């Protein structure tokens, strides 16, 4: 039996973290394909700008302000979709933040905020979405993780930990969601060109634009694949790296990034949003 694939006639697509980056580009892409997209983010002005830009497209953007770290807020978003706009056909859990972590300059706040947005924020959206889809007997869920969840990488002690957890979460939920008629997919992008990633102090191979990322994701959402990962010439290298013995893995990452030669961080670095936010 083929898994459910959401089409515009099935109902609303809810995208969290739609104010910029991948979320924004994906909202425009899907609206261009005729979907009604409920866009959630903390920045109301960015959502209004997104709605205006989508004017004239076959689909539309519905602005629903909300903070994914607030579980009650996400319940209200789900209620608004259900009672004011129609059935939820698909949810794309995309909101995220990136705080670079350096072991010589650790700060609890880096971990707490990253966990609150990237991990608990997904759960806060996931619970009401699954409850709604369970009652309808169908639905589609896509969780945006990252290839940094495959292996430990420099500066990613907080961010990578949340993305590894999301990968495990999606894999684990699939067993039961399949039996409920709810399809779950995992999105693992490589590096996407945004103002946040331009500040990274290391090489970013196979860098792509948010628009290209949105095209890859939109195509993957219509496929039967569990994992949507791109660009594969880069992400599959990381898949292979995680199979290596640790001694070889650490040596290769140090060499490819030049990390061993970099000086220790002298002090706190500026906080930058992750491109998915």
Protein backbone atom coordinates (compact mmCIF):
# COMPACT_ATOMS: atom_id res chain seq x y z
CA UNK A 1 0.00 0.00 0.00
CA UNK A 2 1.34 3.43 -0.95
CA UNK A 3 1.64 6.06 1.78
CA UNK A 4 -0.55 9.17 1.84
CA UNK A 5 0.77 12.13 -0.18
CA UNK A 6 -0.88 15.48 0.54
CA UNK A 7 -2.24 17.43 -2.44
CA UNK A 8 -3.81 20.91 -2.39
CA UNK A 9 -7.34 19.51 -2.31
CA UNK A 10 -6.58 17.60 0.91
CA UNK A 11 -6.27 20.72 3.07
CA UNK A 12 -3.80 23.05 4.76
CA UNK A 13 0.00 22.77 4.88
CA UNK A 14 1.41 24.14 8.16
CA UNK A 15 5.05 25.31 8.08
CA UNK A 16 6.84 26.41 11.25
CA UNK A 17 9.81 28.76 11.02
CA UNK A 18 8.41 30.27 7.82
CA UNK A 19 9.73 33.79 8.39
CA UNK A 20 13.00 33.31 6.51
CA UNK A 21 15.43 30.83 4.99
CA UNK A 22 14.23 27.40 3.95
CA UNK A 23 10.82 27.82 5.58
CA UNK A 24 10.05 31.01 3.69
CA UNK A 25 11.25 29.65 0.35
CA UNK A 26 9.27 26.45 0.85
CA UNK A 27 6.09 28.36 1.75
CA UNK A 28 6.34 30.30 -1.53
CA UNK A 29 7.14 27.16 -3.49
CA UNK A 30 4.11 25.27 -2.17
CA UNK A 31 1.81 28.29 -2.54
CA UNK A 32 2.99 28.45 -6.14
CA UNK A 33 1.83 24.85 -6.56
CA UNK A 34 -1.65 25.69 -5.31
CA UNK A 35 -1.38 24.78 -1.61
CA UNK A 36 -2.89 26.89 1.17
CA UNK A 37 0.02 27.37 3.55
CA UNK A 38 -0.36 28.29 7.22
CA UNK A 39 2.92 30.05 8.01
CA UNK A 40 4.12 30.29 11.61
CA UNK A 41 7.02 32.31 13.02
CA UNK A 42 7.73 34.73 15.86
CA UNK A 43 8.20 37.72 13.54
CA UNK A 44 4.79 38.98 12.42
CA UNK A 45 6.21 41.50 9.95
CA UNK A 46 8.14 38.82 8.06
CA UNK A 47 5.02 36.68 7.77
CA UNK A 48 3.00 39.61 6.42
CA UNK A 49 5.75 40.29 3.85
CA UNK A 50 5.61 36.61 2.89
CA UNK A 51 1.83 36.80 2.49
CA UNK A 52 2.10 39.86 0.26
CA UNK A 53 4.78 38.25 -1.90
CA UNK A 54 2.55 35.20 -2.39
CA UNK A 55 -0.27 37.36 -3.74
CA UNK A 56 -1.23 36.23 -7.21
CA UNK A 57 0.07 32.69 -6.75
CA UNK A 58 -2.34 29.78 -7.28
CA UNK A 59 -2.29 29.04 -3.55
CA UNK A 60 -2.13 31.37 -0.56
CA UNK A 61 -0.36 32.15 2.71
CA UNK A 62 -2.26 32.21 6.01
CA UNK A 63 -0.42 34.18 8.72
CA UNK A 64 -0.51 32.47 12.13
CA UNK A 65 1.91 34.06 14.59
CA UNK A 66 3.40 31.73 17.16
CA UNK A 67 6.44 30.70 19.16
CA UNK A 68 7.21 26.98 18.85
CA UNK A 69 8.73 26.97 22.35
CA UNK A 70 5.27 27.73 23.76
CA UNK A 71 3.18 24.54 23.71
CA UNK A 72 -0.06 26.45 24.35
CA UNK A 73 0.74 28.76 21.43
CA UNK A 74 1.04 25.77 19.10
CA UNK A 75 -2.24 24.33 20.37
CA UNK A 76 -3.85 27.66 19.44
CA UNK A 77 -2.28 27.54 15.97
CA UNK A 78 -3.63 24.03 15.43
CA UNK A 79 -7.07 25.07 16.66
CA UNK A 80 -7.07 28.04 14.29
CA UNK A 81 -6.22 25.80 11.35
CA UNK A 82 -8.84 23.22 12.31
CA UNK A 83 -11.75 25.53 13.08
CA UNK A 84 -11.10 28.51 10.81
CA UNK A 85 -9.25 27.21 7.74
CA UNK A 86 -9.97 23.50 7.28
CA UNK A 87 -8.29 20.14 7.65
CA UNK A 88 -4.55 19.91 8.21
CA UNK A 89 -3.12 17.77 5.40
CA UNK A 90 0.60 18.26 6.05
CA UNK A 91 2.87 19.80 8.66
CA UNK A 92 6.49 20.73 7.97
CA UNK A 93 8.37 21.21 11.25
CA UNK A 94 11.15 23.52 10.21
CA UNK A 95 11.76 26.13 12.93
CA UNK A 96 15.27 26.05 14.34
CA UNK A 97 18.15 28.08 15.74
CA UNK A 98 21.89 27.62 15.53
CA UNK A 99 24.25 28.74 18.28
CA UNK A 100 27.90 27.83 17.67
CA UNK A 101 29.37 26.02 20.68
CA UNK A 102 33.05 26.04 21.62
CA UNK A 103 34.17 23.78 24.45
CA UNK A 104 36.56 26.43 25.78
CA UNK A 105 33.71 28.93 26.15
CA UNK A 106 30.59 26.97 27.11
CA UNK A 107 27.36 28.70 28.05
CA UNK A 108 24.27 26.90 29.32
CA UNK A 109 22.02 29.31 27.42
CA UNK A 110 23.36 28.03 24.08
CA UNK A 111 22.13 24.54 24.89
CA UNK A 112 18.87 25.56 26.54
CA UNK A 113 17.66 27.76 23.69
CA UNK A 114 18.75 25.29 21.02
CA UNK A 115 16.99 22.40 22.75
CA UNK A 116 13.87 24.51 23.39
CA UNK A 117 13.45 25.54 19.74
CA UNK A 118 14.90 22.65 17.74
CA UNK A 119 13.68 19.73 19.83
CA UNK A 120 10.89 20.76 22.22
CA UNK A 121 9.57 23.12 19.53
CA UNK A 122 9.08 20.17 17.20
CA UNK A 123 7.28 18.18 19.91
CA UNK A 124 5.01 21.16 20.68
CA UNK A 125 3.82 21.20 17.06
CA UNK A 126 3.90 17.45 16.55
CA UNK A 127 1.47 16.53 19.32
CA UNK A 128 -1.52 18.63 18.20
CA UNK A 129 -0.82 17.83 14.53
CA UNK A 130 -0.82 14.06 15.12
CA UNK A 131 -3.96 14.30 17.25
CA UNK A 132 -5.74 16.08 14.39
CA UNK A 133 -4.43 13.68 11.72
CA UNK A 134 -5.32 10.64 13.82
CA UNK A 135 -8.94 11.81 13.97
CA UNK A 136 -8.96 12.31 10.19
CA UNK A 137 -7.26 8.98 9.51
CA UNK A 138 -4.58 10.49 7.29
CA UNK A 139 -1.86 13.12 7.13
CA UNK A 140 1.73 13.87 6.22
CA UNK A 141 4.50 15.02 8.55
CA UNK A 142 7.95 16.26 7.54
CA UNK A 143 10.60 16.99 10.16
CA UNK A 144 13.51 19.21 9.12
CA UNK A 145 16.67 17.86 10.71
CA UNK A 146 20.16 18.29 9.23
CA UNK A 147 23.17 16.31 8.08
CA UNK A 148 24.86 17.62 11.24
CA UNK A 149 22.72 15.03 13.00
CA UNK A 150 24.67 12.24 11.29
CA UNK A 151 27.96 12.87 13.12
CA UNK A 152 29.59 15.26 15.57
CA UNK A 153 31.04 18.34 13.85
CA UNK A 154 32.92 21.42 15.13
CA UNK A 155 30.70 24.08 16.80
CA UNK A 156 27.62 21.77 16.61
CA UNK A 157 27.54 20.29 20.12
CA UNK A 158 24.10 21.83 20.78
CA UNK A 159 22.67 22.09 17.26
CA UNK A 160 23.88 18.66 16.13
CA UNK A 161 22.58 17.03 19.30
CA UNK A 162 19.05 18.28 18.57
CA UNK A 163 19.23 17.21 14.93
CA UNK A 164 20.46 13.73 15.87
CA UNK A 165 17.52 13.49 18.26
CA UNK A 166 15.08 14.50 15.51
CA UNK A 167 16.45 11.81 13.21
CA UNK A 168 15.92 9.18 15.90
CA UNK A 169 12.48 10.59 16.73
CA UNK A 170 11.27 10.40 13.13
CA UNK A 171 12.63 6.87 12.68
CA UNK A 172 10.98 5.70 15.89
CA UNK A 173 7.58 7.30 15.22
CA UNK A 174 7.35 5.86 11.72
CA UNK A 175 6.52 2.35 12.96
CA UNK A 176 3.27 3.45 14.62
CA UNK A 177 2.36 6.33 12.30
CA UNK A 178 2.42 3.96 9.31
CA UNK A 179 -0.34 1.93 10.96
CA UNK A 180 -2.36 5.11 11.59
CA UNK A 181 -2.33 6.25 7.95
CA UNK A 182 -0.01 9.14 8.82
CA UNK A 183 3.09 9.47 6.68
CA UNK A 184 6.29 10.83 8.24
CA UNK A 185 9.39 11.99 6.39
CA UNK A 186 12.79 13.22 7.46
CA UNK A 187 14.47 16.19 5.73
CA UNK A 188 18.27 16.37 6.06
CA UNK A 189 19.66 19.32 4.08
CA UNK A 190 23.33 20.11 3.60
CA UNK A 191 24.55 23.73 3.69
CA UNK A 192 22.03 26.34 2.51
CA UNK A 193 23.15 29.87 1.64
CA UNK A 194 21.66 32.34 4.14
CA UNK A 195 23.00 35.33 6.13
CA UNK A 196 23.53 32.96 9.07
CA UNK A 197 25.61 30.39 7.21
CA UNK A 198 27.76 33.12 5.63
CA UNK A 199 29.18 33.74 9.10
CA UNK A 200 30.42 30.17 9.46
CA UNK A 201 34.17 30.08 10.01
CA UNK A 202 34.75 26.90 8.01
CA UNK A 203 34.34 25.73 4.40
CA UNK A 204 30.78 24.89 3.33
CA UNK A 205 30.94 22.44 0.42
CA UNK A 206 28.05 22.07 -2.04
CA UNK A 207 26.36 25.25 -0.81
CA UNK A 208 22.88 25.79 -2.31
CA UNK A 209 20.28 28.56 -2.20
CA UNK A 210 17.06 28.40 -0.11
CA UNK A 211 15.09 28.30 -3.36
CA UNK A 212 16.96 25.23 -4.60
CA UNK A 213 16.48 23.62 -1.18
CA UNK A 214 12.74 24.33 -1.39
CA UNK A 215 12.57 22.70 -4.83
CA UNK A 216 14.33 19.57 -3.54
CA UNK A 217 12.05 19.37 -0.52
CA UNK A 218 8.87 19.95 -2.52
CA UNK A 219 9.84 17.15 -4.89
CA UNK A 220 10.70 14.84 -2.00
CA UNK A 221 7.37 15.47 -0.31
CA UNK A 222 5.66 14.00 -3.36
CA UNK A 223 7.87 10.90 -3.39
CA UNK A 224 7.62 7.71 -1.36
CA UNK A 225 11.05 8.30 0.23
CA UNK A 226 11.37 8.43 4.02
CA UNK A 227 14.48 10.63 3.93
CA UNK A 228 14.84 13.74 1.78
CA UNK A 229 18.54 14.66 1.72
CA UNK A 230 20.44 16.98 -0.60
CA UNK A 231 22.79 17.70 -2.25
CA UNK A 232 23.59 14.00 -2.27
CA UNK A 233 27.16 14.44 -3.50
CA UNK A 234 27.80 16.02 -0.09
CA UNK A 235 25.31 14.35 2.26
CA UNK A 236 26.23 10.84 1.18
CA UNK A 237 29.87 11.58 2.00
CA UNK A 238 28.77 12.34 5.57
CA UNK A 239 26.76 9.13 5.65
CA UNK A 240 29.94 7.24 4.75
CA UNK A 241 32.01 9.16 7.31
CA UNK A 242 29.79 8.01 10.18
CA UNK A 243 30.63 4.40 9.30
CA UNK A 244 34.39 4.94 9.80
CA UNK A 245 36.32 4.05 12.97
CA UNK A 246 36.49 7.07 15.26
CA UNK A 247 40.24 7.49 14.91
CA UNK A 248 39.96 7.86 11.15
CA UNK A 249 36.77 9.94 11.36
CA UNK A 250 38.27 12.58 13.67
CA UNK A 251 41.45 12.75 11.62
CA UNK A 252 39.53 13.31 8.37
CA UNK A 253 37.24 16.00 9.82
CA UNK A 254 40.17 17.84 11.39
CA UNK A 255 42.02 17.74 8.10
CA UNK A 256 39.10 18.77 5.88
CA UNK A 257 38.04 21.67 8.14
CA UNK A 258 41.49 22.69 9.35
CA UNK A 259 40.00 22.71 12.83
CA UNK A 260 43.07 21.48 14.70
CA UNK A 261 45.04 24.50 13.48
CA UNK A 262 42.40 27.03 14.50
CA UNK A 263 43.02 29.04 17.69
CA UNK A 264 40.72 28.59 20.67
CA UNK A 265 37.84 31.06 20.85
CA UNK A 266 38.77 34.14 22.88
CA UNK A 267 35.28 35.02 24.07
CA UNK A 268 31.55 34.94 23.42
CA UNK A 269 30.58 34.96 19.76
CA UNK A 270 27.47 36.75 18.41
CA UNK A 271 24.29 34.71 18.31
CA UNK A 272 23.08 33.97 14.78
CA UNK A 273 19.76 32.40 13.73
CA UNK A 274 19.87 29.13 11.88
CA UNK A 275 18.71 29.39 8.24
CA UNK A 276 15.66 27.27 9.04
CA UNK A 277 14.33 29.88 11.46
